[in-house]
Amino acid sequence: MDHHQVEMVNDGLDALNRLKISIYDLVILDISMPGMEGLEVLKNFREAGGTASVLLLTGRNTIDDVEKGFDAGADDYLKKPFHGRELNARVKALLKRPTVVLGNVLPFAHIVLDRENYRVTSQGKEIALLPKEFTLLEFFMRHPNRVFSAEALLNRVWEADSDATEEAVTTCIKRLRQKIDVEGKPSLIRTMRGAGYKLEESQ
């Protein structure tokens, strides 16, 4: 499809699991899927903080289903059957929509990360991070309050290191916590038992 890199799944549960560990520019969901319906996948995706544009495919003709799709967070919908050129046109239009672009200076809680000058400060004091620690912190700061499994972090941050393991993620997070956390306060990087990690400021 116009040289796009495409990943396909066969059921809703697989789609939801894939959306939890990877980040996409566009998601095309069929409302009728085995395992979990597309609307439920969409609802879970949005509730988890997913921001990618979503195009729903539906063979249903009632306006109620269309409204439910938009209420769940869909950006557009396409009724089946459709011509491939129409699908391409919808995809192009959605990919052209502006997205929120974060700058090179990322503030979060007491941390400020300056990507351009490769500098991180905690409570105004500069802290020294190893390259992988810096990259991991930047990734978390660009996706705050979202849970990422160790496998997802390994794929996103360590993708160039084919011999890295999930233990490398755990070790890096431990070192990062020691450098950015404030004594006596909860860690900014929370461990979500059985799910992974997320950057979250304690209330």
N, C-alpha and C. Protein backbone atom coordinates (compact mmCIF):
# COMPACT_ATOMS: atom_id res chain seq x y z
N MET A 1 0.85 -1.20 0.00
CA MET A 1 0.00 0.00 0.00
C MET A 1 0.88 1.24 0.00
N ASP A 2 1.21 1.77 -1.19
CA ASP A 2 2.00 2.99 -1.31
C ASP A 2 3.28 2.93 -0.50
N HIS A 3 3.90 1.76 -0.44
CA HIS A 3 5.19 1.58 0.23
C HIS A 3 5.13 1.80 1.73
N HIS A 4 3.95 1.70 2.33
CA HIS A 4 3.85 1.78 3.78
C HIS A 4 4.35 0.46 4.38
N GLN A 5 4.92 0.53 5.56
CA GLN A 5 5.28 -0.69 6.28
C GLN A 5 4.05 -1.11 7.07
N VAL A 6 3.53 -2.30 6.77
CA VAL A 6 2.25 -2.74 7.32
C VAL A 6 2.43 -4.00 8.15
N GLU A 7 1.76 -4.04 9.30
CA GLU A 7 1.69 -5.24 10.13
C GLU A 7 0.23 -5.67 10.20
N MET A 8 -0.01 -6.97 10.07
CA MET A 8 -1.39 -7.47 10.08
C MET A 8 -1.59 -8.47 11.20
N VAL A 9 -2.78 -8.46 11.79
CA VAL A 9 -3.15 -9.44 12.80
C VAL A 9 -4.50 -10.02 12.41
N ASN A 10 -4.83 -11.17 13.03
CA ASN A 10 -6.04 -11.88 12.62
C ASN A 10 -7.20 -11.78 13.60
N ASP A 11 -6.95 -11.26 14.82
CA ASP A 11 -8.05 -11.14 15.77
C ASP A 11 -7.82 -9.95 16.69
N GLY A 12 -8.89 -9.57 17.40
CA GLY A 12 -8.85 -8.38 18.23
C GLY A 12 -7.87 -8.46 19.38
N LEU A 13 -7.78 -9.61 20.02
CA LEU A 13 -6.86 -9.76 21.15
C LEU A 13 -5.42 -9.58 20.71
N ASP A 14 -5.09 -10.15 19.56
CA ASP A 14 -3.75 -10.00 19.01
C ASP A 14 -3.48 -8.54 18.68
N ALA A 15 -4.50 -7.86 18.14
CA ALA A 15 -4.36 -6.43 17.81
C ALA A 15 -4.08 -5.61 19.06
N LEU A 16 -4.83 -5.87 20.13
CA LEU A 16 -4.65 -5.12 21.37
C LEU A 16 -3.27 -5.37 21.97
N ASN A 17 -2.83 -6.61 21.94
CA ASN A 17 -1.50 -6.93 22.47
C ASN A 17 -0.41 -6.24 21.66
N ARG A 18 -0.57 -6.19 20.34
CA ARG A 18 0.42 -5.54 19.48
C ARG A 18 0.45 -4.03 19.76
N LEU A 19 -0.72 -3.44 19.99
CA LEU A 19 -0.78 -2.01 20.27
C LEU A 19 -0.15 -1.66 21.61
N LYS A 20 -0.08 -2.63 22.52
CA LYS A 20 0.51 -2.38 23.83
C LYS A 20 2.03 -2.32 23.78
N ILE A 21 2.63 -2.99 22.80
CA ILE A 21 4.09 -3.07 22.77
C ILE A 21 4.74 -2.30 21.64
N SER A 22 3.92 -1.79 20.70
CA SER A 22 4.48 -1.05 19.57
C SER A 22 3.73 0.25 19.36
N ILE A 23 4.38 1.19 18.68
CA ILE A 23 3.77 2.48 18.39
C ILE A 23 3.62 2.61 16.87
N TYR A 24 2.43 2.97 16.42
CA TYR A 24 2.13 3.05 15.00
C TYR A 24 1.68 4.46 14.62
N ASP A 25 1.86 4.80 13.36
CA ASP A 25 1.37 6.08 12.85
C ASP A 25 -0.12 6.03 12.56
N LEU A 26 -0.61 4.86 12.18
CA LEU A 26 -2.02 4.71 11.83
C LEU A 26 -2.47 3.28 12.15
N VAL A 27 -3.70 3.16 12.65
CA VAL A 27 -4.27 1.86 12.96
C VAL A 27 -5.56 1.70 12.16
N ILE A 28 -5.68 0.60 11.42
CA ILE A 28 -6.91 0.28 10.68
C ILE A 28 -7.56 -0.90 11.38
N LEU A 29 -8.77 -0.67 11.91
CA LEU A 29 -9.46 -1.69 12.68
C LEU A 29 -10.78 -2.09 12.02
N ASP A 30 -10.99 -3.38 11.86
CA ASP A 30 -12.28 -3.87 11.42
C ASP A 30 -13.16 -4.00 12.66
N ILE A 31 -14.38 -3.48 12.60
CA ILE A 31 -15.27 -3.57 13.76
C ILE A 31 -15.56 -5.02 14.12
N SER A 32 -15.73 -5.87 13.11
CA SER A 32 -16.05 -7.29 13.35
C SER A 32 -14.79 -8.13 13.28
N MET A 33 -14.27 -8.50 14.46
CA MET A 33 -13.08 -9.35 14.52
C MET A 33 -13.29 -10.44 15.56
N PRO A 34 -12.71 -11.62 15.36
CA PRO A 34 -12.81 -12.66 16.38
C PRO A 34 -11.97 -12.29 17.60
N GLY A 35 -12.30 -12.86 18.74
CA GLY A 35 -11.53 -12.62 19.95
C GLY A 35 -11.98 -11.39 20.70
N MET A 36 -11.95 -10.25 20.04
CA MET A 36 -12.40 -8.98 20.62
C MET A 36 -12.79 -8.06 19.48
N GLU A 37 -13.96 -7.45 19.58
CA GLU A 37 -14.42 -6.59 18.49
C GLU A 37 -13.59 -5.32 18.40
N GLY A 38 -13.59 -4.75 17.20
CA GLY A 38 -12.77 -3.58 16.95
C GLY A 38 -13.06 -2.40 17.86
N LEU A 39 -14.34 -2.18 18.19
CA LEU A 39 -14.70 -1.07 19.07
C LEU A 39 -14.11 -1.24 20.46
N GLU A 40 -14.06 -2.47 20.93
CA GLU A 40 -13.48 -2.73 22.25
C GLU A 40 -11.96 -2.54 22.22
N VAL A 41 -11.34 -2.98 21.12
CA VAL A 41 -9.90 -2.75 20.96
C VAL A 41 -9.61 -1.25 20.96
N LEU A 42 -10.42 -0.50 20.21
CA LEU A 42 -10.24 0.94 20.12
C LEU A 42 -10.41 1.60 21.49
N LYS A 43 -11.43 1.21 22.21
CA LYS A 43 -11.68 1.79 23.53
C LYS A 43 -10.49 1.55 24.46
N ASN A 44 -9.99 0.32 24.48
CA ASN A 44 -8.84 -0.01 25.32
C ASN A 44 -7.60 0.76 24.90
N PHE A 45 -7.42 0.91 23.60
CA PHE A 45 -6.26 1.63 23.05
C PHE A 45 -6.28 3.08 23.49
N ARG A 46 -7.42 3.75 23.39
CA ARG A 46 -7.53 5.15 23.78
C ARG A 46 -7.39 5.31 25.29
N GLU A 47 -7.98 4.41 26.07
CA GLU A 47 -7.90 4.51 27.52
C GLU A 47 -6.47 4.33 28.01
N ALA A 48 -5.67 3.59 27.24
CA ALA A 48 -4.26 3.38 27.60
C ALA A 48 -3.38 4.53 27.13
N GLY A 49 -3.98 5.54 26.48
CA GLY A 49 -3.22 6.70 26.04
C GLY A 49 -2.78 6.65 24.59
N GLY A 50 -3.26 5.69 23.82
CA GLY A 50 -2.89 5.58 22.41
C GLY A 50 -3.33 6.80 21.62
N THR A 51 -2.42 7.39 20.86
CA THR A 51 -2.72 8.63 20.13
C THR A 51 -2.74 8.48 18.62
N ALA A 52 -2.38 7.32 18.10
CA ALA A 52 -2.35 7.13 16.64
C ALA A 52 -3.74 7.30 16.05
N SER A 53 -3.81 7.81 14.83
CA SER A 53 -5.10 7.91 14.13
C SER A 53 -5.66 6.52 13.89
N VAL A 54 -6.98 6.38 14.01
CA VAL A 54 -7.63 5.08 13.84
C VAL A 54 -8.72 5.17 12.77
N LEU A 55 -8.62 4.31 11.78
CA LEU A 55 -9.63 4.19 10.72
C LEU A 55 -10.40 2.89 10.95
N LEU A 56 -11.71 3.01 11.11
CA LEU A 56 -12.55 1.84 11.32
C LEU A 56 -13.11 1.33 10.00
N LEU A 57 -13.10 0.03 9.83
CA LEU A 57 -13.74 -0.61 8.69
C LEU A 57 -15.00 -1.30 9.19
N THR A 58 -16.12 -1.08 8.52
CA THR A 58 -17.37 -1.68 8.98
C THR A 58 -18.26 -2.11 7.83
N GLY A 59 -18.92 -3.24 8.03
CA GLY A 59 -19.90 -3.71 7.06
C GLY A 59 -21.30 -3.38 7.54
N ARG A 60 -21.37 -2.75 8.71
CA ARG A 60 -22.67 -2.39 9.29
C ARG A 60 -23.11 -1.03 8.74
N ASN A 61 -24.40 -0.89 8.57
CA ASN A 61 -24.91 0.32 7.92
C ASN A 61 -25.65 1.27 8.85
N THR A 62 -25.78 0.91 10.14
CA THR A 62 -26.54 1.77 11.04
C THR A 62 -25.68 2.93 11.53
N ILE A 63 -26.32 4.09 11.68
CA ILE A 63 -25.61 5.27 12.16
C ILE A 63 -25.17 5.08 13.60
N ASP A 64 -25.86 4.21 14.35
CA ASP A 64 -25.50 3.96 15.75
C ASP A 64 -24.08 3.40 15.85
N ASP A 65 -23.75 2.48 14.95
CA ASP A 65 -22.41 1.88 14.98
C ASP A 65 -21.34 2.92 14.64
N VAL A 66 -21.66 3.80 13.71
CA VAL A 66 -20.73 4.86 13.34
C VAL A 66 -20.50 5.80 14.53
N GLU A 67 -21.60 6.18 15.21
CA GLU A 67 -21.50 7.07 16.36
C GLU A 67 -20.70 6.41 17.48
N LYS A 68 -20.93 5.11 17.71
CA LYS A 68 -20.18 4.39 18.73
C LYS A 68 -18.69 4.41 18.42
N GLY A 69 -18.38 4.30 17.13
CA GLY A 69 -16.98 4.31 16.71
C GLY A 69 -16.31 5.63 17.02
N PHE A 70 -16.98 6.72 16.68
CA PHE A 70 -16.42 8.05 16.97
C PHE A 70 -16.36 8.31 18.47
N ASP A 71 -17.38 7.85 19.20
CA ASP A 71 -17.38 8.02 20.66
C ASP A 71 -16.22 7.27 21.30
N ALA A 72 -15.84 6.14 20.71
CA ALA A 72 -14.74 5.33 21.25
C ALA A 72 -13.37 5.91 20.88
N GLY A 73 -13.35 6.87 19.93
CA GLY A 73 -12.08 7.51 19.61
C GLY A 73 -11.61 7.32 18.18
N ALA A 74 -12.50 6.86 17.29
CA ALA A 74 -12.10 6.69 15.88
C ALA A 74 -11.93 8.06 15.21
N ASP A 75 -11.04 8.13 14.23
CA ASP A 75 -10.82 9.37 13.49
C ASP A 75 -11.58 9.38 12.17
N ASP A 76 -11.87 8.20 11.63
CA ASP A 76 -12.60 8.10 10.37
C ASP A 76 -13.13 6.68 10.25
N TYR A 77 -14.06 6.47 9.31
CA TYR A 77 -14.56 5.12 9.09
C TYR A 77 -14.80 4.92 7.60
N LEU A 78 -14.81 3.66 7.20
CA LEU A 78 -14.99 3.29 5.81
C LEU A 78 -15.91 2.07 5.77
N LYS A 79 -16.98 2.17 4.97
CA LYS A 79 -17.92 1.07 4.88
C LYS A 79 -17.49 0.06 3.82
N LYS A 80 -17.65 -1.21 4.16
CA LYS A 80 -17.35 -2.29 3.21
C LYS A 80 -18.59 -2.58 2.37
N PRO A 81 -18.41 -2.99 1.11
CA PRO A 81 -17.12 -3.10 0.39
C PRO A 81 -16.64 -1.73 -0.08
N PHE A 82 -15.34 -1.61 -0.25
CA PHE A 82 -14.77 -0.34 -0.69
C PHE A 82 -13.68 -0.60 -1.72
N HIS A 83 -13.35 0.42 -2.50
CA HIS A 83 -12.29 0.31 -3.50
C HIS A 83 -10.94 0.59 -2.82
N GLY A 84 -9.92 -0.10 -3.26
CA GLY A 84 -8.59 0.09 -2.69
C GLY A 84 -8.10 1.53 -2.77
N ARG A 85 -8.49 2.23 -3.83
CA ARG A 85 -8.07 3.63 -3.99
C ARG A 85 -8.71 4.51 -2.92
N GLU A 86 -9.95 4.17 -2.54
CA GLU A 86 -10.60 4.95 -1.49
C GLU A 86 -9.90 4.73 -0.16
N LEU A 87 -9.51 3.49 0.11
CA LEU A 87 -8.76 3.20 1.34
C LEU A 87 -7.45 3.98 1.35
N ASN A 88 -6.74 3.97 0.24
CA ASN A 88 -5.47 4.71 0.15
C ASN A 88 -5.68 6.20 0.41
N ALA A 89 -6.78 6.75 -0.13
CA ALA A 89 -7.06 8.17 0.05
C ALA A 89 -7.31 8.48 1.52
N ARG A 90 -8.05 7.61 2.20
CA ARG A 90 -8.33 7.82 3.63
C ARG A 90 -7.04 7.73 4.43
N VAL A 91 -6.20 6.76 4.11
CA VAL A 91 -4.93 6.58 4.81
C VAL A 91 -4.05 7.81 4.64
N LYS A 92 -3.94 8.30 3.41
CA LYS A 92 -3.11 9.48 3.15
C LYS A 92 -3.62 10.69 3.93
N ALA A 93 -4.94 10.86 3.96
CA ALA A 93 -5.52 12.00 4.66
C ALA A 93 -5.23 11.94 6.16
N LEU A 94 -5.36 10.75 6.73
CA LEU A 94 -5.12 10.60 8.17
C LEU A 94 -3.65 10.79 8.52
N LEU A 95 -2.75 10.31 7.66
CA LEU A 95 -1.32 10.45 7.94
C LEU A 95 -0.86 11.89 7.80
N LYS A 96 -1.63 12.71 7.07
CA LYS A 96 -1.26 14.12 6.91
C LYS A 96 -1.73 14.98 8.08
N ARG A 97 -2.61 14.42 8.91
CA ARG A 97 -3.10 15.20 10.04
C ARG A 97 -1.95 15.52 10.99
N PRO A 98 -1.92 16.74 11.51
CA PRO A 98 -0.83 17.11 12.43
C PRO A 98 -0.92 16.32 13.72
N THR A 99 0.23 15.96 14.25
CA THR A 99 0.31 15.28 15.53
C THR A 99 1.04 16.17 16.52
N VAL A 100 0.89 15.85 17.80
CA VAL A 100 1.57 16.64 18.82
C VAL A 100 3.07 16.32 18.76
N VAL A 101 3.86 17.34 18.51
CA VAL A 101 5.30 17.15 18.41
C VAL A 101 5.97 17.77 19.62
N LEU A 102 6.68 16.98 20.36
CA LEU A 102 7.39 17.49 21.53
C LEU A 102 8.72 18.07 21.10
N GLY A 103 9.13 19.12 21.75
CA GLY A 103 10.39 19.77 21.41
C GLY A 103 11.59 19.04 21.96
N ASN A 104 12.72 19.74 21.96
CA ASN A 104 13.96 19.14 22.43
C ASN A 104 14.16 19.28 23.93
N VAL A 105 13.37 20.15 24.56
CA VAL A 105 13.45 20.32 26.01
C VAL A 105 12.20 19.71 26.63
N LEU A 106 12.37 18.64 27.41
CA LEU A 106 11.25 17.90 27.98
C LEU A 106 11.25 18.02 29.49
N PRO A 107 10.26 18.70 30.07
CA PRO A 107 10.15 18.77 31.52
C PRO A 107 9.19 17.71 32.06
N PHE A 108 9.52 17.14 33.19
CA PHE A 108 8.61 16.21 33.86
C PHE A 108 8.98 16.18 35.34
N ALA A 109 7.98 16.52 36.18
CA ALA A 109 8.23 16.59 37.63
C ALA A 109 9.45 17.47 37.89
N HIS A 110 10.47 16.92 38.57
CA HIS A 110 11.68 17.70 38.89
C HIS A 110 12.79 17.50 37.86
N ILE A 111 12.46 16.79 36.76
CA ILE A 111 13.47 16.46 35.74
C ILE A 111 13.27 17.33 34.50
N VAL A 112 14.37 17.80 33.93
CA VAL A 112 14.33 18.48 32.64
C VAL A 112 15.38 17.85 31.74
N LEU A 113 14.96 17.36 30.59
CA LEU A 113 15.87 16.74 29.64
C LEU A 113 16.02 17.65 28.42
N ASP A 114 17.25 18.02 28.13
CA ASP A 114 17.55 18.88 26.97
C ASP A 114 18.22 18.01 25.92
N ARG A 115 17.44 17.60 24.91
CA ARG A 115 17.94 16.67 23.89
C ARG A 115 19.06 17.29 23.06
N GLU A 116 18.89 18.55 22.70
CA GLU A 116 19.86 19.18 21.81
C GLU A 116 21.23 19.31 22.46
N ASN A 117 21.24 19.63 23.74
CA ASN A 117 22.51 19.81 24.45
C ASN A 117 22.92 18.57 25.26
N TYR A 118 22.13 17.51 25.11
CA TYR A 118 22.42 16.22 25.78
C TYR A 118 22.66 16.45 27.27
N ARG A 119 21.67 17.07 27.91
CA ARG A 119 21.81 17.48 29.31
C ARG A 119 20.54 17.15 30.08
N VAL A 120 20.70 16.63 31.29
CA VAL A 120 19.57 16.33 32.16
C VAL A 120 19.82 16.95 33.52
N THR A 121 18.79 17.63 34.04
CA THR A 121 18.90 18.21 35.37
C THR A 121 17.81 17.65 36.27
N SER A 122 18.12 17.49 37.53
CA SER A 122 17.18 17.06 38.54
C SER A 122 17.17 18.10 39.64
N GLN A 123 16.03 18.73 39.86
CA GLN A 123 15.90 19.82 40.83
C GLN A 123 16.93 20.92 40.54
N GLY A 124 17.18 21.15 39.26
CA GLY A 124 18.08 22.21 38.84
C GLY A 124 19.55 21.83 38.78
N LYS A 125 19.88 20.64 39.27
CA LYS A 125 21.28 20.21 39.27
C LYS A 125 21.51 19.19 38.16
N GLU A 126 22.58 19.37 37.41
CA GLU A 126 22.87 18.47 36.29
C GLU A 126 23.28 17.09 36.80
N ILE A 127 22.78 16.06 36.14
CA ILE A 127 23.15 14.70 36.49
C ILE A 127 23.74 14.02 35.25
N ALA A 128 24.68 13.13 35.50
CA ALA A 128 25.37 12.45 34.41
C ALA A 128 24.69 11.11 34.11
N LEU A 129 24.27 10.94 32.87
CA LEU A 129 23.65 9.69 32.45
C LEU A 129 24.46 9.02 31.37
N LEU A 130 24.47 7.70 31.40
CA LEU A 130 25.08 6.94 30.32
C LEU A 130 24.18 7.06 29.08
N PRO A 131 24.73 6.86 27.88
CA PRO A 131 23.92 7.02 26.65
C PRO A 131 22.61 6.25 26.66
N LYS A 132 22.63 4.99 27.09
CA LYS A 132 21.40 4.20 27.09
C LYS A 132 20.43 4.71 28.14
N GLU A 133 20.94 5.18 29.28
CA GLU A 133 20.08 5.75 30.31
C GLU A 133 19.38 7.00 29.78
N PHE A 134 20.13 7.81 29.05
CA PHE A 134 19.58 9.04 28.48
C PHE A 134 18.48 8.72 27.47
N THR A 135 18.75 7.75 26.60
CA THR A 135 17.78 7.36 25.58
C THR A 135 16.52 6.79 26.21
N LEU A 136 16.68 5.96 27.23
CA LEU A 136 15.53 5.37 27.91
C LEU A 136 14.71 6.45 28.61
N LEU A 137 15.38 7.38 29.30
CA LEU A 137 14.67 8.45 29.98
C LEU A 137 13.91 9.32 28.97
N GLU A 138 14.55 9.62 27.85
CA GLU A 138 13.89 10.43 26.82
C GLU A 138 12.64 9.71 26.30
N PHE A 139 12.75 8.41 26.10
CA PHE A 139 11.60 7.64 25.61
C PHE A 139 10.45 7.71 26.60
N PHE A 140 10.76 7.51 27.89
CA PHE A 140 9.72 7.60 28.92
C PHE A 140 9.10 9.00 28.95
N MET A 141 9.94 10.04 28.83
CA MET A 141 9.44 11.41 28.94
C MET A 141 8.60 11.81 27.73
N ARG A 142 8.83 11.17 26.61
CA ARG A 142 8.00 11.43 25.43
C ARG A 142 6.71 10.61 25.46
N HIS A 143 6.62 9.65 26.37
CA HIS A 143 5.41 8.83 26.50
C HIS A 143 5.06 8.67 27.97
N PRO A 144 4.82 9.78 28.68
CA PRO A 144 4.52 9.67 30.11
C PRO A 144 3.18 8.99 30.37
N ASN A 145 3.10 8.35 31.54
CA ASN A 145 1.85 7.72 32.00
C ASN A 145 1.39 6.56 31.11
N ARG A 146 2.30 6.04 30.31
CA ARG A 146 1.98 4.87 29.49
C ARG A 146 2.83 3.69 29.94
N VAL A 147 2.21 2.53 29.99
CA VAL A 147 2.91 1.33 30.45
C VAL A 147 3.60 0.65 29.27
N PHE A 148 4.87 0.31 29.47
CA PHE A 148 5.64 -0.42 28.45
C PHE A 148 6.26 -1.65 29.09
N SER A 149 6.07 -2.78 28.48
CA SER A 149 6.69 -4.00 28.97
C SER A 149 8.19 -3.94 28.73
N ALA A 150 8.93 -4.81 29.42
CA ALA A 150 10.38 -4.86 29.21
C ALA A 150 10.68 -5.21 27.76
N GLU A 151 9.86 -6.07 27.16
CA GLU A 151 10.06 -6.45 25.76
C GLU A 151 9.87 -5.26 24.84
N ALA A 152 8.83 -4.45 25.13
CA ALA A 152 8.57 -3.27 24.30
C ALA A 152 9.71 -2.27 24.40
N LEU A 153 10.22 -2.07 25.61
CA LEU A 153 11.35 -1.15 25.80
C LEU A 153 12.59 -1.68 25.10
N LEU A 154 12.77 -2.98 25.15
CA LEU A 154 13.92 -3.60 24.48
C LEU A 154 13.84 -3.36 22.98
N ASN A 155 12.65 -3.47 22.41
CA ASN A 155 12.47 -3.27 20.97
C ASN A 155 12.61 -1.81 20.57
N ARG A 156 12.17 -0.90 21.43
CA ARG A 156 12.16 0.52 21.08
C ARG A 156 13.47 1.23 21.39
N VAL A 157 14.12 0.85 22.49
CA VAL A 157 15.32 1.57 22.94
C VAL A 157 16.60 0.81 22.65
N TRP A 158 16.53 -0.52 22.68
CA TRP A 158 17.72 -1.34 22.45
C TRP A 158 17.70 -2.01 21.09
N GLU A 159 16.89 -1.52 20.15
CA GLU A 159 16.67 -2.23 18.90
C GLU A 159 17.94 -2.48 18.09
N ALA A 160 18.97 -1.65 18.29
CA ALA A 160 20.21 -1.83 17.54
C ALA A 160 21.13 -2.86 18.20
N ASP A 161 20.81 -3.25 19.43
CA ASP A 161 21.66 -4.20 20.17
C ASP A 161 21.01 -5.57 20.17
N SER A 162 21.34 -6.37 19.20
CA SER A 162 20.67 -7.64 19.01
C SER A 162 20.91 -8.62 20.16
N ASP A 163 22.00 -8.44 20.91
CA ASP A 163 22.32 -9.38 21.98
C ASP A 163 21.78 -8.91 23.34
N ALA A 164 21.10 -7.78 23.39
CA ALA A 164 20.55 -7.28 24.65
C ALA A 164 19.38 -8.14 25.10
N THR A 165 19.18 -8.25 26.41
CA THR A 165 18.10 -9.04 26.97
C THR A 165 17.21 -8.15 27.83
N GLU A 166 16.08 -8.70 28.26
CA GLU A 166 15.18 -7.94 29.12
C GLU A 166 15.85 -7.59 30.45
N GLU A 167 16.83 -8.39 30.84
CA GLU A 167 17.58 -8.08 32.07
C GLU A 167 18.33 -6.76 31.93
N ALA A 168 18.75 -6.44 30.68
CA ALA A 168 19.44 -5.17 30.44
C ALA A 168 18.50 -4.00 30.71
N VAL A 169 17.21 -4.17 30.39
CA VAL A 169 16.21 -3.14 30.65
C VAL A 169 16.07 -2.93 32.16
N THR A 170 15.93 -4.03 32.89
CA THR A 170 15.77 -3.96 34.35
C THR A 170 16.96 -3.28 34.99
N THR A 171 18.17 -3.63 34.56
CA THR A 171 19.38 -3.05 35.13
C THR A 171 19.48 -1.56 34.84
N CYS A 172 19.13 -1.17 33.61
CA CYS A 172 19.20 0.23 33.22
C CYS A 172 18.18 1.06 34.01
N ILE A 173 17.00 0.53 34.21
CA ILE A 173 15.98 1.24 34.97
C ILE A 173 16.43 1.41 36.42
N LYS A 174 17.06 0.40 36.98
CA LYS A 174 17.56 0.48 38.36
C LYS A 174 18.59 1.60 38.49
N ARG A 175 19.52 1.67 37.53
CA ARG A 175 20.53 2.73 37.56
C ARG A 175 19.90 4.11 37.38
N LEU A 176 18.92 4.18 36.48
CA LEU A 176 18.26 5.45 36.18
C LEU A 176 17.51 5.96 37.41
N ARG A 177 16.84 5.07 38.11
CA ARG A 177 16.13 5.46 39.33
C ARG A 177 17.09 6.05 40.36
N GLN A 178 18.24 5.43 40.50
CA GLN A 178 19.21 5.91 41.47
C GLN A 178 19.68 7.33 41.17
N LYS A 179 19.63 7.70 39.89
CA LYS A 179 20.14 9.01 39.48
C LYS A 179 19.07 10.11 39.45
N ILE A 180 17.83 9.74 39.14
CA ILE A 180 16.81 10.79 38.96
C ILE A 180 15.82 10.90 40.12
N ASP A 181 15.70 9.87 40.95
CA ASP A 181 14.71 9.91 42.01
C ASP A 181 15.16 10.78 43.18
N VAL A 182 14.19 11.33 43.90
CA VAL A 182 14.45 12.15 45.08
C VAL A 182 14.27 11.30 46.32
N GLU A 183 15.23 11.34 47.21
CA GLU A 183 15.18 10.51 48.42
C GLU A 183 13.92 10.81 49.23
N GLY A 184 13.26 9.75 49.63
CA GLY A 184 12.06 9.89 50.44
C GLY A 184 10.78 10.02 49.63
N LYS A 185 10.90 10.10 48.31
CA LYS A 185 9.73 10.21 47.45
C LYS A 185 9.63 8.98 46.54
N PRO A 186 8.41 8.62 46.10
CA PRO A 186 8.25 7.47 45.21
C PRO A 186 9.03 7.66 43.92
N SER A 187 9.48 6.56 43.35
CA SER A 187 10.22 6.63 42.09
C SER A 187 9.32 7.14 40.97
N LEU A 188 9.92 7.94 40.07
CA LEU A 188 9.18 8.42 38.91
C LEU A 188 8.87 7.27 37.95
N ILE A 189 9.74 6.26 37.95
CA ILE A 189 9.53 5.11 37.08
C ILE A 189 8.87 4.02 37.89
N ARG A 190 7.58 3.84 37.68
CA ARG A 190 6.82 2.86 38.45
C ARG A 190 6.88 1.48 37.82
N THR A 191 6.96 0.46 38.66
CA THR A 191 6.86 -0.92 38.20
C THR A 191 5.41 -1.35 38.30
N MET A 192 4.83 -1.71 37.17
CA MET A 192 3.45 -2.20 37.13
C MET A 192 3.51 -3.72 37.09
N ARG A 193 3.24 -4.33 38.22
CA ARG A 193 3.42 -5.77 38.35
C ARG A 193 2.71 -6.55 37.24
N GLY A 194 3.49 -7.36 36.55
CA GLY A 194 2.95 -8.19 35.48
C GLY A 194 2.72 -7.47 34.17
N ALA A 195 2.98 -6.14 34.13
CA ALA A 195 2.71 -5.38 32.92
C ALA A 195 3.94 -4.67 32.37
N GLY A 196 4.74 -4.07 33.25
CA GLY A 196 5.93 -3.37 32.78
C GLY A 196 6.24 -2.15 33.61
N TYR A 197 6.58 -1.05 32.95
CA TYR A 197 7.01 0.17 33.64
C TYR A 197 6.33 1.38 33.02
N LYS A 198 6.17 2.43 33.83
CA LYS A 198 5.68 3.70 33.28
C LYS A 198 6.23 4.86 34.07
N LEU A 199 6.41 5.99 33.39
CA LEU A 199 6.86 7.22 34.02
C LEU A 199 5.63 7.95 34.54
N GLU A 200 5.57 8.15 35.84
CA GLU A 200 4.39 8.75 36.45
C GLU A 200 4.79 9.56 37.67
N GLU A 201 4.25 10.76 37.78
CA GLU A 201 4.52 11.61 38.94
C GLU A 201 3.52 11.28 40.03
N SER A 202 4.02 11.00 41.24
CA SER A 202 3.12 10.67 42.35
C SER A 202 2.31 11.88 42.76
N GLN A 203 1.07 11.64 43.17
CA GLN A 203 0.18 12.73 43.55
C GLN A 203 0.42 13.16 44.99
